[in-house]
């Protein structure tokens, strides 16, 4: 028999079943629009050179999530384009850390812009659960140390 006392009580969510069901549905139009606006604002601030470092991290997260979705056969034919966008973000990182100015080079903006377009298209075709799993996979890879290594000030 299980002991019951004040410190052993576990709170049960009466709506857990509804939450599980909602995770099977895709993001609604408003949620996709909110994500898209945030990404587009960050993309534009980096393009114009008025971005804080946080804009880089937001764009990098979206591109990394897109790579995971491509690896899971949601736009698998775009893996090369996503890797180009990651290389552009790596150049942006190096430039931002060495100069303090977070701005794209010419091809970098095009590559990352394409990746953001792809990210938005992928989000329209997957469930919330799949999007959440992709974000968790990005975090697992970061925690594992599976990241690009850079040398600040190195020339390419």
Protein backbone atom coordinates (compact mmCIF):
# COMPACT_ATOMS: atom_id res chain seq x y z
CA UNK A 1 0.00 0.00 0.00
CA UNK A 2 1.23 3.45 -0.87
CA UNK A 3 1.81 5.96 1.90
CA UNK A 4 -0.09 9.19 1.75
CA UNK A 5 1.02 12.29 3.58
CA UNK A 6 1.35 15.99 2.90
CA UNK A 7 4.82 15.77 1.43
CA UNK A 8 4.01 12.75 -0.76
CA UNK A 9 1.01 14.24 -2.52
CA UNK A 10 1.35 14.74 -6.25
CA UNK A 11 -0.66 17.30 -8.07
CA UNK A 12 -2.58 15.84 -11.00
CA UNK A 13 -3.40 18.01 -13.99
CA UNK A 14 -7.07 17.41 -14.81
CA UNK A 15 -6.46 18.69 -18.35
CA UNK A 16 -3.46 16.50 -19.18
CA UNK A 17 -5.42 14.55 -21.78
CA UNK A 18 -6.43 17.74 -23.57
CA UNK A 19 -2.82 18.96 -23.58
CA UNK A 20 -1.69 15.66 -25.09
CA UNK A 21 -4.34 15.90 -27.80
CA UNK A 22 -3.46 19.49 -28.66
CA UNK A 23 0.18 18.52 -29.18
CA UNK A 24 -0.93 16.34 -32.11
CA UNK A 25 -2.29 19.34 -34.01
CA UNK A 26 -0.18 21.72 -36.07
CA UNK A 27 0.56 25.24 -34.92
CA UNK A 28 -2.35 27.50 -35.71
CA UNK A 29 -2.01 30.49 -38.03
CA UNK A 30 -1.62 32.97 -35.18
CA UNK A 31 1.19 30.99 -33.55
CA UNK A 32 3.01 30.64 -36.88
CA UNK A 33 2.56 34.37 -37.52
CA UNK A 34 3.97 35.25 -34.08
CA UNK A 35 7.03 33.09 -34.68
CA UNK A 36 7.44 34.42 -38.20
CA UNK A 37 7.27 38.05 -37.12
CA UNK A 38 9.91 37.51 -34.43
CA UNK A 39 12.23 35.80 -36.90
CA UNK A 40 11.68 38.43 -39.60
CA UNK A 41 12.36 41.29 -37.18
CA UNK A 42 15.61 39.67 -36.07
CA UNK A 43 16.59 38.93 -39.67
CA UNK A 44 16.01 42.56 -40.64
CA UNK A 45 17.93 43.98 -37.67
CA UNK A 46 20.92 41.78 -38.49
CA UNK A 47 20.68 42.73 -42.17
CA UNK A 48 20.79 46.43 -41.32
CA UNK A 49 23.53 46.06 -38.69
CA UNK A 50 21.38 47.24 -35.79
CA UNK A 51 21.03 43.90 -34.05
CA UNK A 52 22.03 42.85 -30.55
CA UNK A 53 23.70 39.46 -30.06
CA UNK A 54 20.33 37.96 -29.09
CA UNK A 55 19.13 38.32 -32.70
CA UNK A 56 21.92 35.98 -33.79
CA UNK A 57 20.87 33.38 -31.23
CA UNK A 58 17.23 33.55 -32.30
CA UNK A 59 18.13 33.02 -35.96
CA UNK A 60 20.59 30.25 -35.12
CA UNK A 61 17.94 28.40 -33.10
CA UNK A 62 15.49 28.53 -36.01
CA UNK A 63 18.09 27.31 -38.50
CA UNK A 64 19.17 24.49 -36.17
CA UNK A 65 15.56 23.39 -35.68
CA UNK A 66 15.14 23.40 -39.47
CA UNK A 67 18.17 21.14 -39.82
CA UNK A 68 16.66 18.64 -37.37
CA UNK A 69 13.37 18.68 -39.28
CA UNK A 70 15.25 18.13 -42.56
CA UNK A 71 17.04 15.18 -41.00
CA UNK A 72 13.62 13.79 -40.08
CA UNK A 73 12.46 13.95 -43.72
CA UNK A 74 10.54 17.20 -43.48
CA UNK A 75 12.21 19.00 -46.37
CA UNK A 76 15.18 16.64 -46.55
CA UNK A 77 16.18 17.98 -49.96
CA UNK A 78 17.09 21.31 -48.33
CA UNK A 79 19.84 20.05 -46.00
CA UNK A 80 22.59 21.62 -48.13
CA UNK A 81 20.86 25.01 -48.01
CA UNK A 82 20.48 24.77 -44.23
CA UNK A 83 24.18 23.96 -43.85
CA UNK A 84 25.01 27.03 -45.98
CA UNK A 85 22.87 29.11 -43.63
CA UNK A 86 24.70 27.63 -40.65
CA UNK A 87 28.03 28.58 -42.26
CA UNK A 88 26.69 32.11 -42.81
CA UNK A 89 25.67 32.29 -39.15
CA UNK A 90 29.13 31.09 -38.14
CA UNK A 91 30.66 33.95 -40.16
CA UNK A 92 28.19 36.31 -38.51
CA UNK A 93 29.21 35.00 -35.08
CA UNK A 94 32.89 35.54 -35.78
CA UNK A 95 32.28 39.05 -37.12
CA UNK A 96 30.00 39.96 -34.23
CA UNK A 97 32.42 38.76 -31.58
CA UNK A 98 35.44 40.43 -33.16
CA UNK A 99 33.89 43.77 -34.18
CA UNK A 100 30.84 44.01 -31.91
CA UNK A 101 28.64 44.59 -34.95
CA UNK A 102 26.11 41.89 -35.81
CA UNK A 103 25.64 42.21 -39.57
CA UNK A 104 25.51 39.71 -42.45
CA UNK A 105 27.87 39.50 -45.36
CA UNK A 106 26.21 39.52 -48.80
CA UNK A 107 25.57 35.83 -49.31
CA UNK A 108 24.92 35.29 -45.60
CA UNK A 109 21.73 37.28 -45.65
CA UNK A 110 20.43 35.32 -48.65
CA UNK A 111 21.32 31.96 -47.14
CA UNK A 112 19.75 32.69 -43.75
CA UNK A 113 16.69 34.30 -45.33
CA UNK A 114 16.11 31.14 -47.38
CA UNK A 115 16.52 29.00 -44.25
CA UNK A 116 13.96 31.12 -42.37
CA UNK A 117 11.51 30.73 -45.28
CA UNK A 118 12.04 26.98 -45.10
CA UNK A 119 11.61 27.00 -41.31
CA UNK A 120 8.23 28.70 -41.64
CA UNK A 121 7.13 26.21 -44.32
CA UNK A 122 8.20 23.29 -42.14
CA UNK A 123 6.27 24.61 -39.15
CA UNK A 124 3.11 24.70 -41.26
CA UNK A 125 3.39 20.95 -41.94
CA UNK A 126 4.28 19.45 -38.57
CA UNK A 127 2.55 18.93 -35.26
CA UNK A 128 3.39 20.82 -32.10
CA UNK A 129 4.88 17.62 -30.70
CA UNK A 130 7.25 17.27 -33.67
CA UNK A 131 8.32 20.92 -33.34
CA UNK A 132 8.90 20.47 -29.62
CA UNK A 133 10.93 17.30 -30.19
CA UNK A 134 13.08 19.09 -32.78
CA UNK A 135 13.82 21.89 -30.29
CA UNK A 136 14.70 19.36 -27.60
CA UNK A 137 17.04 17.57 -30.04
CA UNK A 138 18.85 20.86 -30.71
CA UNK A 139 19.33 21.30 -26.96
CA UNK A 140 20.56 17.70 -26.59
CA UNK A 141 23.16 18.30 -29.29
CA UNK A 142 24.31 21.53 -27.69
CA UNK A 143 24.60 19.86 -24.29
CA UNK A 144 26.56 17.02 -25.89
CA UNK A 145 29.00 19.58 -27.31
CA UNK A 146 28.02 18.96 -30.93
CA UNK A 147 28.57 22.59 -31.97
CA UNK A 148 30.80 24.53 -34.36
CA UNK A 149 34.13 25.61 -32.94
CA UNK A 150 35.33 29.09 -33.87
CA UNK A 151 38.44 31.10 -33.45
CA UNK A 152 37.65 34.75 -32.94
CA UNK A 153 39.68 36.93 -35.27
CA UNK A 154 40.58 34.10 -37.66
CA UNK A 155 40.30 34.88 -41.35
CA UNK A 156 38.43 32.68 -43.72
